[in-house]
N, C-alpha and C. Protein backbone atom coordinates (compact mmCIF):
# COMPACT_ATOMS: atom_id res chain seq x y z
N UNK A 1 18.18 24.65 -42.67
CA UNK A 1 18.19 24.58 -41.24
C UNK A 1 19.40 25.36 -40.74
N UNK A 2 19.15 26.20 -39.77
CA UNK A 2 20.24 27.04 -39.25
C UNK A 2 21.05 26.25 -38.24
N UNK A 3 22.33 26.61 -38.05
CA UNK A 3 23.16 25.88 -37.09
C UNK A 3 22.65 25.97 -35.66
N UNK A 4 22.04 27.05 -35.29
CA UNK A 4 21.56 27.19 -33.91
C UNK A 4 20.34 26.29 -33.65
N UNK A 5 19.58 25.95 -34.68
CA UNK A 5 18.40 25.11 -34.50
C UNK A 5 18.79 23.66 -34.28
N UNK A 6 19.95 23.22 -34.75
CA UNK A 6 20.34 21.83 -34.61
C UNK A 6 21.18 21.56 -33.36
N UNK A 7 21.43 22.58 -32.55
CA UNK A 7 22.23 22.41 -31.34
C UNK A 7 21.38 21.76 -30.27
N UNK A 8 21.89 20.67 -29.71
CA UNK A 8 21.19 19.98 -28.63
C UNK A 8 21.82 20.36 -27.30
N UNK A 9 21.03 20.34 -26.21
CA UNK A 9 21.63 20.63 -24.91
C UNK A 9 22.64 19.55 -24.54
N UNK A 10 23.73 19.96 -23.94
CA UNK A 10 24.81 19.06 -23.57
C UNK A 10 24.51 18.39 -22.24
N UNK A 11 24.88 17.12 -22.07
CA UNK A 11 24.64 16.46 -20.79
C UNK A 11 25.66 16.86 -19.73
N UNK A 12 26.70 17.62 -20.10
CA UNK A 12 27.69 18.06 -19.11
C UNK A 12 27.15 19.28 -18.39
N UNK A 13 27.66 19.59 -17.20
CA UNK A 13 27.17 20.77 -16.47
C UNK A 13 27.32 22.05 -17.28
N UNK A 14 26.45 23.01 -17.01
CA UNK A 14 26.38 24.24 -17.81
C UNK A 14 27.68 25.03 -17.75
N UNK A 15 28.30 25.16 -16.58
CA UNK A 15 29.54 25.94 -16.47
C UNK A 15 30.66 25.31 -17.27
N UNK A 16 30.76 23.98 -17.21
CA UNK A 16 31.79 23.28 -17.96
C UNK A 16 31.53 23.36 -19.46
N UNK A 17 30.27 23.25 -19.85
CA UNK A 17 29.91 23.34 -21.26
C UNK A 17 30.22 24.73 -21.81
N UNK A 18 29.95 25.78 -21.02
CA UNK A 18 30.22 27.15 -21.47
C UNK A 18 31.72 27.36 -21.64
N UNK A 19 32.51 26.84 -20.72
CA UNK A 19 33.98 26.97 -20.82
C UNK A 19 34.49 26.24 -22.05
N UNK A 20 34.04 25.03 -22.27
CA UNK A 20 34.46 24.26 -23.44
C UNK A 20 34.02 24.94 -24.72
N UNK A 21 32.81 25.47 -24.74
CA UNK A 21 32.31 26.14 -25.94
C UNK A 21 33.14 27.39 -26.21
N UNK A 22 33.50 28.11 -25.16
CA UNK A 22 34.33 29.30 -25.34
C UNK A 22 35.71 28.93 -25.89
N UNK A 23 36.30 27.87 -25.37
CA UNK A 23 37.61 27.43 -25.84
C UNK A 23 37.54 26.98 -27.30
N UNK A 24 36.47 26.25 -27.62
CA UNK A 24 36.31 25.79 -29.00
C UNK A 24 36.15 26.97 -29.96
N UNK A 25 35.33 27.94 -29.55
CA UNK A 25 35.10 29.10 -30.43
C UNK A 25 36.38 29.93 -30.57
N UNK A 26 37.18 30.02 -29.52
CA UNK A 26 38.45 30.76 -29.62
C UNK A 26 39.42 30.03 -30.54
N UNK A 27 39.42 28.70 -30.47
CA UNK A 27 40.31 27.93 -31.36
C UNK A 27 39.90 28.10 -32.81
N UNK A 28 38.59 28.15 -33.07
CA UNK A 28 38.11 28.36 -34.45
C UNK A 28 38.47 29.77 -34.90
N UNK A 29 38.29 30.77 -34.02
CA UNK A 29 38.58 32.16 -34.37
C UNK A 29 40.07 32.34 -34.68
N UNK A 30 40.92 31.64 -33.94
CA UNK A 30 42.36 31.73 -34.21
C UNK A 30 42.76 30.94 -35.44
N UNK A 31 41.90 30.02 -35.87
CA UNK A 31 42.23 29.16 -37.00
C UNK A 31 43.16 28.03 -36.60
N UNK A 32 43.20 27.74 -35.31
CA UNK A 32 44.07 26.68 -34.79
C UNK A 32 43.31 25.35 -34.84
N UNK A 33 43.52 24.65 -35.94
CA UNK A 33 42.78 23.40 -36.16
C UNK A 33 43.21 22.31 -35.19
N UNK A 34 44.46 22.25 -34.86
CA UNK A 34 44.95 21.22 -33.94
C UNK A 34 44.37 21.40 -32.54
N UNK A 35 44.34 22.65 -32.05
CA UNK A 35 43.76 22.92 -30.73
C UNK A 35 42.27 22.61 -30.75
N UNK A 36 41.60 22.96 -31.86
CA UNK A 36 40.18 22.67 -31.99
C UNK A 36 39.94 21.16 -31.91
N UNK A 37 40.73 20.36 -32.61
CA UNK A 37 40.56 18.91 -32.63
C UNK A 37 40.80 18.31 -31.24
N UNK A 38 41.81 18.80 -30.54
CA UNK A 38 42.08 18.30 -29.19
C UNK A 38 40.93 18.63 -28.24
N UNK A 39 40.47 19.87 -28.30
CA UNK A 39 39.36 20.27 -27.43
C UNK A 39 38.08 19.50 -27.75
N UNK A 40 37.84 19.34 -29.05
CA UNK A 40 36.63 18.64 -29.47
C UNK A 40 36.69 17.17 -29.07
N UNK A 41 37.84 16.53 -29.22
CA UNK A 41 37.99 15.12 -28.84
C UNK A 41 37.78 14.95 -27.33
N UNK A 42 38.39 15.83 -26.55
CA UNK A 42 38.23 15.74 -25.09
C UNK A 42 36.77 15.95 -24.69
N UNK A 43 36.13 16.91 -25.35
CA UNK A 43 34.73 17.20 -25.07
C UNK A 43 33.86 16.01 -25.45
N UNK A 44 34.07 15.43 -26.61
CA UNK A 44 33.24 14.30 -27.06
C UNK A 44 33.49 13.07 -26.20
N UNK A 45 34.74 12.86 -25.75
CA UNK A 45 35.02 11.73 -24.85
C UNK A 45 34.25 11.88 -23.55
N UNK A 46 34.22 13.09 -23.03
CA UNK A 46 33.50 13.35 -21.78
C UNK A 46 32.00 13.11 -21.96
N UNK A 47 31.46 13.56 -23.08
CA UNK A 47 30.03 13.37 -23.35
C UNK A 47 29.72 11.88 -23.48
N UNK A 48 30.54 11.15 -24.21
CA UNK A 48 30.31 9.72 -24.39
C UNK A 48 30.44 8.97 -23.06
N UNK A 49 31.40 9.35 -22.23
CA UNK A 49 31.57 8.72 -20.93
C UNK A 49 30.34 8.94 -20.06
N UNK A 50 29.81 10.16 -20.07
CA UNK A 50 28.60 10.45 -19.29
C UNK A 50 27.41 9.65 -19.79
N UNK A 51 27.28 9.52 -21.10
CA UNK A 51 26.18 8.73 -21.64
C UNK A 51 26.33 7.26 -21.25
N UNK A 52 27.57 6.74 -21.29
CA UNK A 52 27.81 5.35 -20.91
C UNK A 52 27.48 5.15 -19.43
N UNK A 53 27.88 6.08 -18.58
CA UNK A 53 27.57 5.97 -17.16
C UNK A 53 26.06 6.02 -16.93
N UNK A 54 25.38 6.86 -17.68
CA UNK A 54 23.92 6.96 -17.54
C UNK A 54 23.27 5.65 -17.95
N UNK A 55 23.76 5.03 -19.03
CA UNK A 55 23.20 3.73 -19.46
C UNK A 55 23.43 2.67 -18.40
N UNK A 56 24.63 2.62 -17.83
CA UNK A 56 24.93 1.62 -16.80
C UNK A 56 24.09 1.85 -15.55
N UNK A 57 23.92 3.10 -15.18
CA UNK A 57 23.10 3.41 -14.02
C UNK A 57 21.64 3.00 -14.26
N UNK A 58 21.14 3.30 -15.44
CA UNK A 58 19.76 2.94 -15.78
C UNK A 58 19.59 1.42 -15.75
N UNK A 59 20.54 0.70 -16.32
CA UNK A 59 20.46 -0.75 -16.34
C UNK A 59 20.53 -1.32 -14.92
N UNK A 60 21.42 -0.79 -14.10
CA UNK A 60 21.55 -1.26 -12.72
C UNK A 60 20.26 -1.01 -11.93
N UNK A 61 19.69 0.17 -12.10
CA UNK A 61 18.44 0.47 -11.39
C UNK A 61 17.30 -0.41 -11.89
N UNK A 62 17.27 -0.70 -13.18
CA UNK A 62 16.22 -1.57 -13.72
C UNK A 62 16.35 -2.98 -13.16
N UNK A 63 17.57 -3.49 -13.09
CA UNK A 63 17.79 -4.84 -12.54
C UNK A 63 17.41 -4.88 -11.06
N UNK A 64 17.79 -3.85 -10.31
CA UNK A 64 17.46 -3.80 -8.89
C UNK A 64 15.94 -3.72 -8.69
N UNK A 65 15.28 -2.93 -9.50
CA UNK A 65 13.82 -2.82 -9.39
C UNK A 65 13.15 -4.15 -9.73
N UNK A 66 13.65 -4.82 -10.76
CA UNK A 66 13.08 -6.11 -11.14
C UNK A 66 13.29 -7.14 -10.03
N UNK A 67 14.50 -7.16 -9.44
CA UNK A 67 14.78 -8.10 -8.35
C UNK A 67 13.88 -7.81 -7.14
N UNK A 68 13.67 -6.55 -6.83
CA UNK A 68 12.80 -6.19 -5.72
C UNK A 68 11.36 -6.60 -5.96
N UNK A 69 10.89 -6.36 -7.17
CA UNK A 69 9.51 -6.76 -7.50
C UNK A 69 9.36 -8.28 -7.50
N UNK A 70 10.37 -8.99 -7.98
CA UNK A 70 10.31 -10.45 -7.97
C UNK A 70 10.28 -10.97 -6.53
N UNK A 71 11.10 -10.40 -5.66
CA UNK A 71 11.10 -10.82 -4.25
C UNK A 71 9.75 -10.53 -3.61
N UNK A 72 9.18 -9.38 -3.90
CA UNK A 72 7.87 -9.03 -3.35
C UNK A 72 6.79 -10.00 -3.85
N UNK A 73 6.84 -10.33 -5.13
CA UNK A 73 5.85 -11.25 -5.70
C UNK A 73 5.98 -12.63 -5.08
N UNK A 74 7.22 -13.11 -4.92
CA UNK A 74 7.42 -14.43 -4.32
C UNK A 74 6.94 -14.42 -2.87
N UNK A 75 7.22 -13.35 -2.15
CA UNK A 75 6.78 -13.24 -0.76
C UNK A 75 5.25 -13.28 -0.68
N UNK A 76 4.60 -12.55 -1.55
CA UNK A 76 3.13 -12.53 -1.53
C UNK A 76 2.54 -13.87 -1.92
N UNK A 77 3.17 -14.55 -2.88
CA UNK A 77 2.65 -15.85 -3.31
C UNK A 77 2.79 -16.88 -2.20
N UNK A 78 3.92 -16.88 -1.49
CA UNK A 78 4.08 -17.83 -0.40
C UNK A 78 3.17 -17.48 0.77
N UNK A 79 2.91 -16.20 0.98
CA UNK A 79 2.01 -15.80 2.07
C UNK A 79 0.58 -16.23 1.76
N UNK A 80 0.21 -16.21 0.49
CA UNK A 80 -1.14 -16.62 0.12
C UNK A 80 -1.34 -18.12 0.28
N UNK A 81 -0.27 -18.90 0.21
CA UNK A 81 -0.38 -20.35 0.33
C UNK A 81 -0.28 -20.84 1.76
N UNK A 82 0.06 -19.98 2.70
CA UNK A 82 0.24 -20.42 4.08
C UNK A 82 -1.12 -20.77 4.69
N UNK A 83 -1.17 -21.71 5.64
CA UNK A 83 -2.44 -22.13 6.24
C UNK A 83 -3.17 -21.00 6.95
N UNK A 84 -2.43 -20.08 7.55
CA UNK A 84 -3.09 -18.98 8.26
C UNK A 84 -3.86 -18.09 7.29
N UNK A 85 -3.32 -17.90 6.08
CA UNK A 85 -4.02 -17.04 5.14
C UNK A 85 -5.18 -17.75 4.46
N UNK A 86 -5.16 -19.08 4.42
CA UNK A 86 -6.29 -19.81 3.84
C UNK A 86 -7.52 -19.64 4.70
N UNK A 87 -7.35 -19.69 6.03
CA UNK A 87 -8.49 -19.51 6.93
C UNK A 87 -9.01 -18.09 6.86
N UNK A 88 -8.15 -17.16 6.51
CA UNK A 88 -8.57 -15.77 6.39
C UNK A 88 -8.35 -15.03 7.69
N UNK A 89 -8.02 -13.77 7.58
CA UNK A 89 -7.75 -13.01 8.80
C UNK A 89 -8.99 -12.79 9.66
N UNK A 90 -10.15 -12.71 9.03
CA UNK A 90 -11.36 -12.47 9.82
C UNK A 90 -11.72 -13.69 10.66
N UNK A 91 -11.59 -14.88 10.09
CA UNK A 91 -11.92 -16.08 10.85
C UNK A 91 -10.95 -16.29 12.00
N UNK A 92 -9.69 -16.05 11.75
CA UNK A 92 -8.69 -16.24 12.79
C UNK A 92 -8.93 -15.27 13.94
N UNK A 93 -9.37 -14.08 13.66
CA UNK A 93 -9.57 -13.08 14.70
C UNK A 93 -10.83 -13.34 15.50
N UNK A 94 -11.84 -13.97 14.89
CA UNK A 94 -13.11 -14.16 15.59
C UNK A 94 -13.17 -15.47 16.35
N UNK A 95 -12.31 -16.44 16.02
CA UNK A 95 -12.36 -17.71 16.72
C UNK A 95 -11.65 -17.59 18.06
N UNK A 96 -12.22 -18.19 19.10
CA UNK A 96 -11.57 -18.10 20.41
C UNK A 96 -10.28 -18.92 20.42
N UNK A 97 -9.41 -18.58 21.34
CA UNK A 97 -8.17 -19.33 21.47
C UNK A 97 -8.48 -20.74 21.92
N UNK A 98 -7.71 -21.69 21.43
CA UNK A 98 -7.97 -23.09 21.79
C UNK A 98 -7.62 -23.33 23.25
N UNK A 99 -8.50 -24.04 23.90
CA UNK A 99 -8.25 -24.42 25.28
C UNK A 99 -7.36 -25.66 25.28
N UNK A 100 -6.90 -26.03 26.46
CA UNK A 100 -6.10 -27.23 26.55
C UNK A 100 -6.92 -28.41 26.07
N UNK A 101 -6.25 -29.36 25.46
CA UNK A 101 -6.99 -30.48 24.90
C UNK A 101 -7.56 -31.39 25.98
N UNK A 102 -6.94 -31.41 27.16
CA UNK A 102 -7.41 -32.31 28.21
C UNK A 102 -7.55 -31.52 29.51
N UNK A 103 -8.77 -31.35 29.96
CA UNK A 103 -9.03 -30.65 31.21
C UNK A 103 -9.60 -31.66 32.19
N UNK A 104 -9.02 -31.67 33.37
CA UNK A 104 -9.48 -32.62 34.39
C UNK A 104 -10.01 -31.84 35.58
N UNK A 105 -11.19 -32.18 36.01
CA UNK A 105 -11.76 -31.53 37.19
C UNK A 105 -11.19 -32.18 38.43
N UNK A 106 -10.91 -31.33 39.44
CA UNK A 106 -10.40 -31.85 40.71
C UNK A 106 -11.29 -31.34 41.84
N UNK A 107 -11.22 -32.06 42.94
CA UNK A 107 -12.05 -31.68 44.09
C UNK A 107 -11.37 -30.53 44.85
N UNK A 108 -12.09 -29.98 45.82
CA UNK A 108 -11.55 -28.88 46.62
C UNK A 108 -10.31 -29.33 47.39
N UNK A 109 -10.37 -30.54 47.97
CA UNK A 109 -9.22 -31.04 48.74
C UNK A 109 -8.00 -31.22 47.84
N UNK A 110 -8.20 -31.70 46.63
CA UNK A 110 -7.08 -31.89 45.71
C UNK A 110 -6.48 -30.53 45.31
N UNK A 111 -7.32 -29.54 45.17
CA UNK A 111 -6.84 -28.20 44.85
C UNK A 111 -6.00 -27.63 45.98
N UNK A 112 -6.47 -27.78 47.20
CA UNK A 112 -5.72 -27.26 48.34
C UNK A 112 -4.41 -28.03 48.53
N UNK A 113 -4.38 -29.30 48.14
CA UNK A 113 -3.17 -30.11 48.28
C UNK A 113 -2.09 -29.67 47.28
N UNK A 114 -2.44 -28.90 46.30
CA UNK A 114 -1.45 -28.40 45.33
C UNK A 114 -0.54 -27.33 45.93
N UNK A 115 -0.89 -26.81 47.11
CA UNK A 115 -0.12 -25.75 47.75
C UNK A 115 0.39 -26.24 49.11
N UNK A 116 1.31 -27.19 49.15
CA UNK A 116 1.78 -27.71 50.44
C UNK A 116 2.63 -26.68 51.18
N UNK A 117 2.46 -26.61 52.49
CA UNK A 117 3.24 -25.70 53.32
C UNK A 117 2.85 -24.25 53.16
N UNK A 118 1.77 -23.96 52.48
CA UNK A 118 1.32 -22.59 52.28
C UNK A 118 -0.11 -22.48 52.78
N UNK A 119 -0.38 -21.52 53.65
CA UNK A 119 -1.77 -21.37 54.07
C UNK A 119 -2.62 -20.85 52.92
N UNK A 120 -3.65 -21.58 52.59
CA UNK A 120 -4.55 -21.22 51.50
C UNK A 120 -5.94 -21.70 51.85
N UNK A 121 -6.94 -21.00 51.35
CA UNK A 121 -8.30 -21.40 51.64
C UNK A 121 -9.21 -21.13 50.46
N UNK A 122 -10.39 -21.73 50.49
CA UNK A 122 -11.40 -21.51 49.45
C UNK A 122 -12.53 -20.69 50.08
N UNK A 123 -12.98 -19.69 49.38
CA UNK A 123 -14.07 -18.86 49.88
C UNK A 123 -14.99 -18.53 48.72
N UNK A 124 -16.28 -18.36 49.04
CA UNK A 124 -17.24 -17.96 48.01
C UNK A 124 -17.34 -16.45 48.00
N UNK A 125 -17.03 -15.86 46.86
CA UNK A 125 -17.09 -14.41 46.70
C UNK A 125 -17.98 -14.14 45.49
N UNK A 126 -19.10 -13.43 45.73
CA UNK A 126 -20.07 -13.11 44.67
C UNK A 126 -20.52 -14.36 43.92
N UNK A 127 -20.73 -15.42 44.63
CA UNK A 127 -21.25 -16.65 44.05
C UNK A 127 -20.19 -17.50 43.35
N UNK A 128 -18.94 -17.11 43.37
CA UNK A 128 -17.86 -17.88 42.75
C UNK A 128 -16.86 -18.27 43.81
N UNK A 129 -16.30 -19.47 43.68
CA UNK A 129 -15.26 -19.89 44.62
C UNK A 129 -13.93 -19.30 44.21
N UNK A 130 -13.19 -18.78 45.22
CA UNK A 130 -11.87 -18.18 44.97
C UNK A 130 -10.87 -18.76 45.95
N UNK A 131 -9.63 -18.84 45.48
CA UNK A 131 -8.54 -19.22 46.37
C UNK A 131 -8.09 -17.98 47.14
N UNK A 132 -7.92 -18.13 48.42
CA UNK A 132 -7.49 -17.01 49.25
C UNK A 132 -6.11 -17.35 49.81
N UNK A 133 -5.16 -16.44 49.62
CA UNK A 133 -3.81 -16.57 50.16
C UNK A 133 -3.64 -15.49 51.23
N UNK A 134 -3.58 -15.86 52.52
CA UNK A 134 -3.49 -14.85 53.57
C UNK A 134 -2.12 -14.17 53.65
N UNK A 135 -1.04 -14.85 53.28
CA UNK A 135 0.28 -14.22 53.34
C UNK A 135 0.51 -13.38 52.09
N UNK A 136 1.05 -12.16 52.30
CA UNK A 136 1.33 -11.31 51.13
C UNK A 136 2.42 -11.94 50.25
N UNK A 137 2.24 -11.86 48.96
CA UNK A 137 3.22 -12.38 48.01
C UNK A 137 2.95 -13.80 47.56
N UNK A 138 2.23 -14.59 48.35
CA UNK A 138 1.96 -15.97 47.96
C UNK A 138 1.09 -16.05 46.70
N UNK A 139 0.10 -15.18 46.66
CA UNK A 139 -0.80 -15.23 45.50
C UNK A 139 -0.05 -14.93 44.21
N UNK A 140 0.78 -13.90 44.22
CA UNK A 140 1.54 -13.56 43.01
C UNK A 140 2.50 -14.69 42.64
N UNK A 141 3.11 -15.32 43.65
CA UNK A 141 4.06 -16.40 43.37
C UNK A 141 3.39 -17.62 42.75
N UNK A 142 2.23 -18.01 43.27
CA UNK A 142 1.58 -19.21 42.79
C UNK A 142 0.75 -18.97 41.54
N UNK A 143 0.17 -17.82 41.40
CA UNK A 143 -0.66 -17.55 40.22
C UNK A 143 0.20 -17.47 38.97
N UNK A 144 1.46 -17.05 39.10
CA UNK A 144 2.36 -17.03 37.95
C UNK A 144 2.58 -18.43 37.41
N UNK A 145 2.70 -19.39 38.30
CA UNK A 145 2.93 -20.77 37.87
C UNK A 145 1.71 -21.36 37.19
N UNK A 146 0.56 -20.95 37.58
CA UNK A 146 -0.65 -21.50 36.99
C UNK A 146 -0.81 -20.88 35.65
């Protein structure tokens, strides 16, 4: 196996790796073993540090992803158990809104007595009885309360 075939790409940036490789090759060419050892140790420390940071980052992202998925699963499980989801969205949308539980019919005189000091009248319009407020603004004021 040739030495060039066993070379793996470095995890450090290309410009920094080229500079370090050049320094290492110059130290070998000079026969300066001490400089070579210092450069190699610094280079290997940097590579190991980057690998350690990559492992920590991977672990942190995995834990965060697991926590997010767990929260999503718990949210979905509790949503499935809620009474609104048991009835189903289609049934809830098609059922009419509940009316008041107690409705009492009143006579025309009792209805008119609900507006003391305000001129109001009952008139038949298109076959339906309507309250008529002759003063402007009275209708908006009283209809809001109803």
